[in-house]
Amino acid sequence: MPKRTDIESVLIIGAGPIIIGQACEFDYSGAQACKALREEGYKVILVNSNPATIMTDPEMADVTYIEPITWQMLSKIIELERPDALLPTMGGQTALNCALDLAREGVLT
C-alpha cells in the first residue's frame, strides 16, 4: 500500500489496563503499530490509561498521554494535537467504543 502523504500525524488509542487473559495482545500490536508508523515518518500520538505497558515507553510515540480513555478526554487531546488520523483498532473494544463515541459526539467531523 502506498504511503499517505496527506497524513502527518496519527493518534493511537491504547487498550488501557490489562486484565489477565486479555488485552496483552493489544499492547503488543499497538507497540508494533507505533514503531511502524514512526519508521514511516508519521508523528505518533498515543493515549493509554495504563502506564505499565510497552506502548507507553518513551521511545514508542512522539507524544504520550496517560489519561482515561473516554471520548471527553480524547476530545481535549484531539483539540490540542489536531491529528490527521485516528487508529483505535490497536486498543480493543475500549478504544473502538471510544472512537464510536467521538463520532457520535461530532468530534471527528
PDB file of N, CA and C in Angstrom:
ATOM      1  N   MET A   1       0.845  -1.167   0.000  1.00  0.00           N
ATOM      2  CA  MET A   1       0.000   0.000   0.000  1.00  0.00           C
ATOM      3  C   MET A   1       0.898   1.241   0.000  1.00  0.00           C
ATOM      4  N   PRO A   2       0.618   2.212  -0.860  1.00  0.00           N
ATOM      5  CA  PRO A   2       1.448   3.416  -0.899  1.00  0.00           C
ATOM      6  C   PRO A   2       1.252   4.272   0.354  1.00  0.00           C
ATOM      7  N   LYS A   3       2.287   5.017   0.708  1.00  0.00           N
ATOM      8  CA  LYS A   3       2.233   5.885   1.879  1.00  0.00           C
ATOM      9  C   LYS A   3       1.303   7.056   1.614  1.00  0.00           C
ATOM     10  N   ARG A   4       0.481   7.379   2.607  1.00  0.00           N
ATOM     11  CA  ARG A   4      -0.417   8.528   2.524  1.00  0.00           C
ATOM     12  C   ARG A   4       0.373   9.797   2.815  1.00  0.00           C
ATOM     13  N   THR A   5       0.534  10.644   1.829  1.00  0.00           N
ATOM     14  CA  THR A   5       1.289  11.877   2.028  1.00  0.00           C
ATOM     15  C   THR A   5       0.438  13.002   2.606  1.00  0.00           C
ATOM     16  N   ASP A   6      -0.876  12.792   2.667  1.00  0.00           N
ATOM     17  CA  ASP A   6      -1.759  13.801   3.247  1.00  0.00           C
ATOM     18  C   ASP A   6      -1.895  13.639   4.760  1.00  0.00           C
ATOM     19  N   ILE A   7      -1.279  12.616   5.324  1.00  0.00           N
ATOM     20  CA  ILE A   7      -1.333  12.355   6.763  1.00  0.00           C
ATOM     21  C   ILE A   7       0.058  12.568   7.349  1.00  0.00           C
ATOM     22  N   GLU A   8       0.130  13.418   8.369  1.00  0.00           N
ATOM     23  CA  GLU A   8       1.402  13.655   9.052  1.00  0.00           C
ATOM     24  C   GLU A   8       1.416  13.088  10.462  1.00  0.00           C
ATOM     25  N   SER A   9       0.233  13.059  11.106  1.00  0.00           N
ATOM     26  CA  SER A   9       0.179  12.591  12.496  1.00  0.00           C
ATOM     27  C   SER A   9      -0.979  11.623  12.700  1.00  0.00           C
ATOM     28  N   VAL A  10      -0.742  10.644  13.572  1.00  0.00           N
ATOM     29  CA  VAL A  10      -1.732   9.601  13.850  1.00  0.00           C
ATOM     30  C   VAL A  10      -1.917   9.491  15.356  1.00  0.00           C
ATOM     31  N   LEU A  11      -3.164   9.516  15.801  1.00  0.00           N
ATOM     32  CA  LEU A  11      -3.488   9.313  17.208  1.00  0.00           C
ATOM     33  C   LEU A  11      -3.865   7.851  17.402  1.00  0.00           C
ATOM     34  N   ILE A  12      -3.126   7.161  18.253  1.00  0.00           N
ATOM     35  CA  ILE A  12      -3.402   5.756  18.561  1.00  0.00           C
ATOM     36  C   ILE A  12      -4.037   5.689  19.941  1.00  0.00           C
ATOM     37  N   ILE A  13      -5.159   4.981  20.037  1.00  0.00           N
ATOM     38  CA  ILE A  13      -5.824   4.782  21.326  1.00  0.00           C
ATOM     39  C   ILE A  13      -5.436   3.407  21.842  1.00  0.00           C
ATOM     40  N   GLY A  14      -4.846   3.378  23.028  1.00  0.00           N
ATOM     41  CA  GLY A  14      -4.438   2.122  23.646  1.00  0.00           C
ATOM     42  C   GLY A  14      -5.600   1.410  24.317  1.00  0.00           C
ATOM     43  N   ALA A  15      -5.310   0.235  24.855  1.00  0.00           N
ATOM     44  CA  ALA A  15      -6.345  -0.615  25.447  1.00  0.00           C
ATOM     45  C   ALA A  15      -6.631  -0.309  26.909  1.00  0.00           C
ATOM     46  N   GLY A  16      -5.763   0.445  27.550  1.00  0.00           N
ATOM     47  CA  GLY A  16      -5.964   0.709  28.971  1.00  0.00           C
ATOM     48  C   GLY A  16      -5.447  -0.432  29.818  1.00  0.00           C
ATOM     49  N   PRO A  17      -5.962  -0.562  31.041  1.00  0.00           N
ATOM     50  CA  PRO A  17      -5.458  -1.592  31.956  1.00  0.00           C
ATOM     51  C   PRO A  17      -5.596  -2.999  31.385  1.00  0.00           C
ATOM     52  N   ILE A  18      -4.577  -3.797  31.610  1.00  0.00           N
ATOM     53  CA  ILE A  18      -4.586  -5.176  31.131  1.00  0.00           C
ATOM     54  C   ILE A  18      -5.279  -6.060  32.155  1.00  0.00           C
ATOM     55  N   ILE A  19      -6.250  -6.809  31.685  1.00  0.00           N
ATOM     56  CA  ILE A  19      -6.954  -7.783  32.514  1.00  0.00           C
ATOM     57  C   ILE A  19      -6.343  -9.135  32.192  1.00  0.00           C
ATOM     58  N   ILE A  20      -6.085  -9.930  33.200  1.00  0.00           N
ATOM     59  CA  ILE A  20      -5.461 -11.233  32.979  1.00  0.00           C
ATOM     60  C   ILE A  20      -6.259 -12.014  31.937  1.00  0.00           C
ATOM     61  N   GLY A  21      -5.565 -12.473  30.911  1.00  0.00           N
ATOM     62  CA  GLY A  21      -6.201 -13.254  29.858  1.00  0.00           C
ATOM     63  C   GLY A  21      -6.657 -12.446  28.665  1.00  0.00           C
ATOM     64  N   GLN A  22      -6.560 -11.111  28.752  1.00  0.00           N
ATOM     65  CA  GLN A  22      -6.941 -10.305  27.598  1.00  0.00           C
ATOM     66  C   GLN A  22      -6.170  -8.991  27.598  1.00  0.00           C
ATOM     67  N   ALA A  23      -6.115  -8.368  26.472  1.00  0.00           N
ATOM     68  CA  ALA A  23      -5.531  -7.049  26.227  1.00  0.00           C
ATOM     69  C   ALA A  23      -4.018  -7.031  26.050  1.00  0.00           C
ATOM     70  N   CYS A  24      -3.281  -8.056  26.490  1.00  0.00           N
ATOM     71  CA  CYS A  24      -1.832  -8.008  26.271  1.00  0.00           C
ATOM     72  C   CYS A  24      -1.514  -8.051  24.782  1.00  0.00           C
ATOM     73  N   GLU A  25      -2.353  -8.713  24.005  1.00  0.00           N
ATOM     74  CA  GLU A  25      -2.125  -8.741  22.560  1.00  0.00           C
ATOM     75  C   GLU A  25      -2.320  -7.357  21.952  1.00  0.00           C
ATOM     76  N   PHE A  26      -3.193  -6.544  22.545  1.00  0.00           N
ATOM     77  CA  PHE A  26      -3.378  -5.182  22.053  1.00  0.00           C
ATOM     78  C   PHE A  26      -2.165  -4.324  22.383  1.00  0.00           C
ATOM     79  N   ASP A  27      -1.559  -4.554  23.529  1.00  0.00           N
ATOM     80  CA  ASP A  27      -0.350  -3.824  23.895  1.00  0.00           C
ATOM     81  C   ASP A  27       0.766  -4.135  22.903  1.00  0.00           C
ATOM     82  N   TYR A  28       0.931  -5.396  22.583  1.00  0.00           N
ATOM     83  CA  TYR A  28       1.980  -5.796  21.638  1.00  0.00           C
ATOM     84  C   TYR A  28       1.708  -5.228  20.248  1.00  0.00           C
ATOM     85  N   SER A  29       0.485  -5.400  19.760  1.00  0.00           N
ATOM     86  CA  SER A  29       0.174  -4.912  18.413  1.00  0.00           C
ATOM     87  C   SER A  29       0.231  -3.389  18.358  1.00  0.00           C
ATOM     88  N   GLY A  30      -0.178  -2.735  19.427  1.00  0.00           N
ATOM     89  CA  GLY A  30      -0.096  -1.273  19.478  1.00  0.00           C
ATOM     90  C   GLY A  30       1.335  -0.785  19.458  1.00  0.00           C
ATOM     91  N   ALA A  31       2.199  -1.469  20.188  1.00  0.00           N
ATOM     92  CA  ALA A  31       3.621  -1.108  20.193  1.00  0.00           C
ATOM     93  C   ALA A  31       4.221  -1.288  18.801  1.00  0.00           C
ATOM     94  N   GLN A  32       3.860  -2.365  18.122  1.00  0.00           N
ATOM     95  CA  GLN A  32       4.354  -2.597  16.762  1.00  0.00           C
ATOM     96  C   GLN A  32       3.826  -1.536  15.797  1.00  0.00           C
ATOM     97  N   ALA A  33       2.565  -1.130  15.983  1.00  0.00           N
ATOM     98  CA  ALA A  33       1.993  -0.075  15.135  1.00  0.00           C
ATOM     99  C   ALA A  33       2.728   1.243  15.352  1.00  0.00           C
ATOM    100  N   CYS A  34       3.025   1.566  16.607  1.00  0.00           N
ATOM    101  CA  CYS A  34       3.781   2.789  16.907  1.00  0.00           C
ATOM    102  C   CYS A  34       5.130   2.771  16.203  1.00  0.00           C
ATOM    103  N   LYS A  35       5.840   1.653  16.327  1.00  0.00           N
ATOM    104  CA  LYS A  35       7.159   1.526  15.694  1.00  0.00           C
ATOM    105  C   LYS A  35       7.062   1.692  14.176  1.00  0.00           C
ATOM    106  N   ALA A  36       6.116   0.985  13.573  1.00  0.00           N
ATOM    107  CA  ALA A  36       5.977   1.018  12.113  1.00  0.00           C
ATOM    108  C   ALA A  36       5.615   2.415  11.615  1.00  0.00           C
ATOM    109  N   LEU A  37       4.695   3.075  12.294  1.00  0.00           N
ATOM    110  CA  LEU A  37       4.284   4.412  11.868  1.00  0.00           C
ATOM    111  C   LEU A  37       5.419   5.422  12.018  1.00  0.00           C
ATOM    112  N   ARG A  38       6.157   5.327  13.105  1.00  0.00           N
ATOM    113  CA  ARG A  38       7.293   6.237  13.299  1.00  0.00           C
ATOM    114  C   ARG A  38       8.376   5.983  12.249  1.00  0.00           C
ATOM    115  N   GLU A  39       8.612   4.714  11.929  1.00  0.00           N
ATOM    116  CA  GLU A  39       9.605   4.392  10.895  1.00  0.00           C
ATOM    117  C   GLU A  39       9.215   4.975   9.538  1.00  0.00           C
ATOM    118  N   GLU A  40       7.913   5.094   9.306  1.00  0.00           N
ATOM    119  CA  GLU A  40       7.422   5.672   8.051  1.00  0.00           C
ATOM    120  C   GLU A  40       7.404   7.200   8.085  1.00  0.00           C
ATOM    121  N   GLY A  41       7.773   7.778   9.219  1.00  0.00           N
ATOM    122  CA  GLY A  41       7.869   9.233   9.312  1.00  0.00           C
ATOM    123  C   GLY A  41       6.653   9.944   9.860  1.00  0.00           C
ATOM    124  N   TYR A  42       5.666   9.195  10.325  1.00  0.00           N
ATOM    125  CA  TYR A  42       4.483   9.821  10.900  1.00  0.00           C
ATOM    126  C   TYR A  42       4.750  10.231  12.346  1.00  0.00           C
ATOM    127  N   LYS A  43       4.140  11.327  12.767  1.00  0.00           N
ATOM    128  CA  LYS A  43       4.152  11.705  14.178  1.00  0.00           C
ATOM    129  C   LYS A  43       3.111  10.833  14.868  1.00  0.00           C
ATOM    130  N   VAL A  44       3.517  10.129  15.927  1.00  0.00           N
ATOM    131  CA  VAL A  44       2.614   9.231  16.639  1.00  0.00           C
ATOM    132  C   VAL A  44       2.236   9.857  17.975  1.00  0.00           C
ATOM    133  N   ILE A  45       0.926   9.988  18.179  1.00  0.00           N
ATOM    134  CA  ILE A  45       0.367  10.496  19.425  1.00  0.00           C
ATOM    135  C   ILE A  45      -0.358   9.325  20.066  1.00  0.00           C
ATOM    136  N   LEU A  46       0.043   8.965  21.261  1.00  0.00           N
ATOM    137  CA  LEU A  46      -0.520   7.797  21.935  1.00  0.00           C
ATOM    138  C   LEU A  46      -1.314   8.217  23.155  1.00  0.00           C
ATOM    139  N   VAL A  47      -2.503   7.626  23.308  1.00  0.00           N
ATOM    140  CA  VAL A  47      -3.295   7.800  24.522  1.00  0.00           C
ATOM    141  C   VAL A  47      -3.531   6.419  25.104  1.00  0.00           C
ATOM    142  N   ASN A  48      -3.143   6.246  26.361  1.00  0.00           N
ATOM    143  CA  ASN A  48      -3.349   4.973  27.050  1.00  0.00           C
ATOM    144  C   ASN A  48      -3.504   5.274  28.533  1.00  0.00           C
ATOM    145  N   SER A  49      -4.434   4.630  29.173  1.00  0.00           N
ATOM    146  CA  SER A  49      -4.649   4.880  30.600  1.00  0.00           C
ATOM    147  C   SER A  49      -3.786   3.996  31.485  1.00  0.00           C
ATOM    148  N   ASN A  50      -3.024   3.102  30.877  1.00  0.00           N
ATOM    149  CA  ASN A  50      -2.173   2.189  31.646  1.00  0.00           C
ATOM    150  C   ASN A  50      -0.705   2.563  31.445  1.00  0.00           C
ATOM    151  N   PRO A  51      -0.059   3.114  32.477  1.00  0.00           N
ATOM    152  CA  PRO A  51       1.353   3.483  32.319  1.00  0.00           C
ATOM    153  C   PRO A  51       2.294   2.284  32.300  1.00  0.00           C
ATOM    154  N   ALA A  52       1.810   1.111  32.690  1.00  0.00           N
ATOM    155  CA  ALA A  52       2.665  -0.082  32.793  1.00  0.00           C
ATOM    156  C   ALA A  52       2.539  -0.971  31.563  1.00  0.00           C
ATOM    157  N   THR A  53       2.638  -0.377  30.385  1.00  0.00           N
ATOM    158  CA  THR A  53       2.573  -1.149  29.148  1.00  0.00           C
ATOM    159  C   THR A  53       3.802  -0.845  28.300  1.00  0.00           C
ATOM    160  N   ILE A  54       4.051  -1.706  27.337  1.00  0.00           N
ATOM    161  CA  ILE A  54       5.148  -1.472  26.400  1.00  0.00           C
ATOM    162  C   ILE A  54       4.863  -0.213  25.583  1.00  0.00           C
ATOM    163  N   MET A  55       3.610   0.000  25.241  1.00  0.00           N
ATOM    164  CA  MET A  55       3.231   1.126  24.387  1.00  0.00           C
ATOM    165  C   MET A  55       3.630   2.474  24.968  1.00  0.00           C
ATOM    166  N   THR A  56       3.604   2.611  26.297  1.00  0.00           N
ATOM    167  CA  THR A  56       3.871   3.911  26.908  1.00  0.00           C
ATOM    168  C   THR A  56       5.358   4.168  27.145  1.00  0.00           C
ATOM    169  N   ASP A  57       6.214   3.281  26.675  1.00  0.00           N
ATOM    170  CA  ASP A  57       7.654   3.527  26.714  1.00  0.00           C
ATOM    171  C   ASP A  57       7.938   4.811  25.925  1.00  0.00           C
ATOM    172  N   PRO A  58       8.795   5.687  26.432  1.00  0.00           N
ATOM    173  CA  PRO A  58       9.052   6.968  25.756  1.00  0.00           C
ATOM    174  C   PRO A  58       9.534   6.846  24.307  1.00  0.00           C
ATOM    175  N   GLU A  59      10.098   5.712  23.938  1.00  0.00           N
ATOM    176  CA  GLU A  59      10.598   5.528  22.575  1.00  0.00           C
ATOM    177  C   GLU A  59       9.502   5.134  21.576  1.00  0.00           C
ATOM    178  N   MET A  60       8.324   4.784  22.071  1.00  0.00           N
ATOM    179  CA  MET A  60       7.270   4.270  21.189  1.00  0.00           C
ATOM    180  C   MET A  60       6.533   5.356  20.415  1.00  0.00           C
ATOM    181  N   ALA A  61       6.291   6.496  21.066  1.00  0.00           N
ATOM    182  CA  ALA A  61       5.494   7.547  20.433  1.00  0.00           C
ATOM    183  C   ALA A  61       6.203   8.886  20.563  1.00  0.00           C
ATOM    184  N   ASP A  62       5.822   9.811  19.707  1.00  0.00           N
ATOM    185  CA  ASP A  62       6.372  11.161  19.801  1.00  0.00           C
ATOM    186  C   ASP A  62       5.766  11.910  20.979  1.00  0.00           C
ATOM    187  N   VAL A  63       4.483  11.660  21.226  1.00  0.00           N
ATOM    188  CA  VAL A  63       3.768  12.270  22.344  1.00  0.00           C
ATOM    189  C   VAL A  63       2.943  11.178  23.001  1.00  0.00           C
ATOM    190  N   THR A  64       3.018  11.085  24.331  1.00  0.00           N
ATOM    191  CA  THR A  64       2.257  10.067  25.059  1.00  0.00           C
ATOM    192  C   THR A  64       1.410  10.731  26.134  1.00  0.00           C
ATOM    193  N   TYR A  65       0.130  10.376  26.154  1.00  0.00           N
ATOM    194  CA  TYR A  65      -0.789  10.843  27.189  1.00  0.00           C
ATOM    195  C   TYR A  65      -1.220   9.643  28.019  1.00  0.00           C
ATOM    196  N   ILE A  66      -1.001   9.714  29.326  1.00  0.00           N
ATOM    197  CA  ILE A  66      -1.513   8.700  30.252  1.00  0.00           C
ATOM    198  C   ILE A  66      -2.783   9.302  30.845  1.00  0.00           C
ATOM    199  N   GLU A  67      -3.887   9.014  30.213  1.00  0.00           N
ATOM    200  CA  GLU A  67      -5.175   9.617  30.573  1.00  0.00           C
ATOM    201  C   GLU A  67      -6.279   8.580  30.429  1.00  0.00           C
ATOM    202  N   PRO A  68      -7.413   8.814  31.096  1.00  0.00           N
ATOM    203  CA  PRO A  68      -8.557   7.907  30.924  1.00  0.00           C
ATOM    204  C   PRO A  68      -8.994   7.861  29.459  1.00  0.00           C
ATOM    205  N   ILE A  69      -9.392   6.692  29.026  1.00  0.00           N
ATOM    206  CA  ILE A  69      -9.839   6.531  27.639  1.00  0.00           C
ATOM    207  C   ILE A  69     -11.347   6.764  27.597  1.00  0.00           C
ATOM    208  N   THR A  70     -11.691   8.048  27.510  1.00  0.00           N
ATOM    209  CA  THR A  70     -13.087   8.468  27.388  1.00  0.00           C
ATOM    210  C   THR A  70     -13.172   9.420  26.205  1.00  0.00           C
ATOM    211  N   TRP A  71     -14.348   9.544  25.627  1.00  0.00           N
ATOM    212  CA  TRP A  71     -14.473  10.435  24.481  1.00  0.00           C
ATOM    213  C   TRP A  71     -14.202  11.879  24.892  1.00  0.00           C
ATOM    214  N   GLN A  72     -14.556  12.229  26.140  1.00  0.00           N
ATOM    215  CA  GLN A  72     -14.329  13.595  26.602  1.00  0.00           C
ATOM    216  C   GLN A  72     -12.832  13.909  26.671  1.00  0.00           C
ATOM    217  N   MET A  73     -12.052  12.990  27.231  1.00  0.00           N
ATOM    218  CA  MET A  73     -10.607  13.208  27.336  1.00  0.00           C
ATOM    219  C   MET A  73      -9.962  13.210  25.952  1.00  0.00           C
ATOM    220  N   LEU A  74     -10.358  12.263  25.111  1.00  0.00           N
ATOM    221  CA  LEU A  74      -9.791  12.225  23.765  1.00  0.00           C
ATOM    222  C   LEU A  74     -10.172  13.459  22.959  1.00  0.00           C
ATOM    223  N   SER A  75     -11.346  13.997  23.201  1.00  0.00           N
ATOM    224  CA  SER A  75     -11.764  15.223  22.529  1.00  0.00           C
ATOM    225  C   SER A  75     -10.806  16.369  22.854  1.00  0.00           C
ATOM    226  N   LYS A  76     -10.403  16.466  24.113  1.00  0.00           N
ATOM    227  CA  LYS A  76      -9.453  17.513  24.520  1.00  0.00           C
ATOM    228  C   LYS A  76      -8.091  17.304  23.858  1.00  0.00           C
ATOM    229  N   ILE A  77      -7.654  16.050  23.805  1.00  0.00           N
ATOM    230  CA  ILE A  77      -6.354  15.741  23.198  1.00  0.00           C
ATOM    231  C   ILE A  77      -6.395  16.004  21.691  1.00  0.00           C
ATOM    232  N   ILE A  78      -7.486  15.634  21.048  1.00  0.00           N
ATOM    233  CA  ILE A  78      -7.644  15.888  19.610  1.00  0.00           C
ATOM    234  C   ILE A  78      -7.633  17.390  19.332  1.00  0.00           C
ATOM    235  N   GLU A  79      -8.306  18.160  20.174  1.00  0.00           N
ATOM    236  CA  GLU A  79      -8.326  19.617  20.006  1.00  0.00           C
ATOM    237  C   GLU A  79      -6.915  20.200  20.142  1.00  0.00           C
ATOM    238  N   LEU A  80      -6.145  19.668  21.070  1.00  0.00           N
ATOM    239  CA  LEU A  80      -4.786  20.157  21.307  1.00  0.00           C
ATOM    240  C   LEU A  80      -3.803  19.711  20.221  1.00  0.00           C
ATOM    241  N   GLU A  81      -3.842  18.432  19.867  1.00  0.00           N
ATOM    242  CA  GLU A  81      -2.847  17.848  18.954  1.00  0.00           C
ATOM    243  C   GLU A  81      -3.221  17.942  17.479  1.00  0.00           C
ATOM    244  N   ARG A  82      -4.509  18.001  17.168  1.00  0.00           N
ATOM    245  CA  ARG A  82      -5.006  18.067  15.790  1.00  0.00           C
ATOM    246  C   ARG A  82      -4.441  16.956  14.894  1.00  0.00           C
ATOM    247  N   PRO A  83      -4.605  15.676  15.291  1.00  0.00           N
ATOM    248  CA  PRO A  83      -4.068  14.589  14.461  1.00  0.00           C
ATOM    249  C   PRO A  83      -4.804  14.493  13.122  1.00  0.00           C
ATOM    250  N   ASP A  84      -4.092  13.981  12.132  1.00  0.00           N
ATOM    251  CA  ASP A  84      -4.689  13.793  10.809  1.00  0.00           C
ATOM    252  C   ASP A  84      -5.456  12.478  10.707  1.00  0.00           C
ATOM    253  N   ALA A  85      -5.138  11.529  11.578  1.00  0.00           N
ATOM    254  CA  ALA A  85      -5.775  10.209  11.523  1.00  0.00           C
ATOM    255  C   ALA A  85      -5.934   9.655  12.933  1.00  0.00           C
ATOM    256  N   LEU A  86      -6.893   8.752  13.071  1.00  0.00           N
ATOM    257  CA  LEU A  86      -7.184   8.098  14.346  1.00  0.00           C
ATOM    258  C   LEU A  86      -7.082   6.593  14.136  1.00  0.00           C
ATOM    259  N   LEU A  87      -6.350   5.911  15.025  1.00  0.00           N
ATOM    260  CA  LEU A  87      -6.180   4.458  14.922  1.00  0.00           C
ATOM    261  C   LEU A  87      -6.663   3.814  16.225  1.00  0.00           C
ATOM    262  N   PRO A  88      -7.953   3.444  16.287  1.00  0.00           N
ATOM    263  CA  PRO A  88      -8.482   2.842  17.510  1.00  0.00           C
ATOM    264  C   PRO A  88      -8.377   1.321  17.545  1.00  0.00           C
ATOM    265  N   THR A  89      -8.044   0.702  16.441  1.00  0.00           N
ATOM    266  CA  THR A  89      -8.075  -0.763  16.377  1.00  0.00           C
ATOM    267  C   THR A  89      -6.976  -1.431  17.184  1.00  0.00           C
ATOM    268  N   MET A  90      -6.009  -0.675  17.658  1.00  0.00           N
ATOM    269  CA  MET A  90      -4.936  -1.241  18.481  1.00  0.00           C
ATOM    270  C   MET A  90      -5.314  -1.279  19.956  1.00  0.00           C
ATOM    271  N   GLY A  91      -6.489  -0.773  20.294  1.00  0.00           N
ATOM    272  CA  GLY A  91      -6.890  -0.686  21.691  1.00  0.00           C
ATOM    273  C   GLY A  91      -8.070  -1.545  22.070  1.00  0.00           C
ATOM    274  N   GLY A  92      -8.453  -2.460  21.208  1.00  0.00           N
ATOM    275  CA  GLY A  92      -9.536  -3.375  21.547  1.00  0.00           C
ATOM    276  C   GLY A  92     -10.886  -2.690  21.659  1.00  0.00           C
ATOM    277  N   GLN A  93     -11.794  -3.330  22.378  1.00  0.00           N
ATOM    278  CA  GLN A  93     -13.166  -2.849  22.476  1.00  0.00           C
ATOM    279  C   GLN A  93     -13.262  -1.486  23.139  1.00  0.00           C
ATOM    280  N   THR A  94     -12.427  -1.237  24.129  1.00  0.00           N
ATOM    281  CA  THR A  94     -12.440   0.060  24.817  1.00  0.00           C
ATOM    282  C   THR A  94     -12.180   1.191  23.829  1.00  0.00           C
ATOM    283  N   ALA A  95     -11.141   1.053  23.031  1.00  0.00           N
ATOM    284  CA  ALA A  95     -10.783   2.090  22.064  1.00  0.00           C
ATOM    285  C   ALA A  95     -11.821   2.208  20.950  1.00  0.00           C
ATOM    286  N   LEU A  96     -12.338   1.081  20.495  1.00  0.00           N
ATOM    287  CA  LEU A  96     -13.363   1.114  19.446  1.00  0.00           C
ATOM    288  C   LEU A  96     -14.618   1.829  19.934  1.00  0.00           C
ATOM    289  N   ASN A  97     -15.045   1.522  21.153  1.00  0.00           N
ATOM    290  CA  ASN A  97     -16.216   2.193  21.724  1.00  0.00           C
ATOM    291  C   ASN A  97     -15.971   3.691  21.854  1.00  0.00           C
ATOM    292  N   CYS A  98     -14.776   4.055  22.261  1.00  0.00           N
ATOM    293  CA  CYS A  98     -14.429   5.463  22.400  1.00  0.00           C
ATOM    294  C   CYS A  98     -14.465   6.167  21.041  1.00  0.00           C
ATOM    295  N   ALA A  99     -13.953   5.525  20.014  1.00  0.00           N
ATOM    296  CA  ALA A  99     -13.977   6.106  18.670  1.00  0.00           C
ATOM    297  C   ALA A  99     -15.413   6.306  18.184  1.00  0.00           C
ATOM    298  N   LEU A 100     -16.273   5.338  18.463  1.00  0.00           N
ATOM    299  CA  LEU A 100     -17.688   5.491  18.101  1.00  0.00           C
ATOM    300  C   LEU A 100     -18.311   6.671  18.832  1.00  0.00           C
ATOM    301  N   ASP A 101     -17.987   6.817  20.113  1.00  0.00           N
ATOM    302  CA  ASP A 101     -18.500   7.950  20.889  1.00  0.00           C
ATOM    303  C   ASP A 101     -17.994   9.279  20.326  1.00  0.00           C
ATOM    304  N   LEU A 102     -16.720   9.327  19.937  1.00  0.00           N
ATOM    305  CA  LEU A 102     -16.171  10.544  19.331  1.00  0.00           C
ATOM    306  C   LEU A 102     -16.932  10.901  18.055  1.00  0.00           C
ATOM    307  N   ALA A 103     -17.252   9.901  17.253  1.00  0.00           N
ATOM    308  CA  ALA A 103     -18.006  10.138  16.019  1.00  0.00           C
ATOM    309  C   ALA A 103     -19.426  10.609  16.331  1.00  0.00           C
ATOM    310  N   ARG A 104     -20.085   9.947  17.281  1.00  0.00           N
ATOM    311  CA  ARG A 104     -21.459  10.321  17.655  1.00  0.00           C
ATOM    312  C   ARG A 104     -21.537  11.745  18.197  1.00  0.00           C
ATOM    313  N   GLU A 105     -20.511  12.149  18.923  1.00  0.00           N
ATOM    314  CA  GLU A 105     -20.494  13.479  19.537  1.00  0.00           C
ATOM    315  C   GLU A 105     -20.013  14.564  18.574  1.00  0.00           C
ATOM    316  N   GLY A 106     -19.673  14.180  17.345  1.00  0.00           N
ATOM    317  CA  GLY A 106     -19.275  15.152  16.334  1.00  0.00           C
ATOM    318  C   GLY A 106     -17.839  15.640  16.437  1.00  0.00           C
ATOM    319  N   VAL A 107     -17.026  14.973  17.232  1.00  0.00           N
ATOM    320  CA  VAL A 107     -15.633  15.393  17.421  1.00  0.00           C
ATOM    321  C   VAL A 107     -14.807  15.131  16.169  1.00  0.00           C
ATOM    322  N   LEU A 108     -15.137  14.107  15.417  1.00  0.00           N
ATOM    323  CA  LEU A 108     -14.325  13.698  14.268  1.00  0.00           C
ATOM    324  C   LEU A 108     -14.731  14.371  12.957  1.00  0.00           C
ATOM    325  N   THR A 109     -15.697  15.260  13.010  1.00  0.00           N
ATOM    326  CA  THR A 109     -16.139  15.916  11.771  1.00  0.00           C
ATOM    327  C   THR A 109     -15.511  17.273  11.592  1.00  0.00           C
TER     328      THR A 109
END
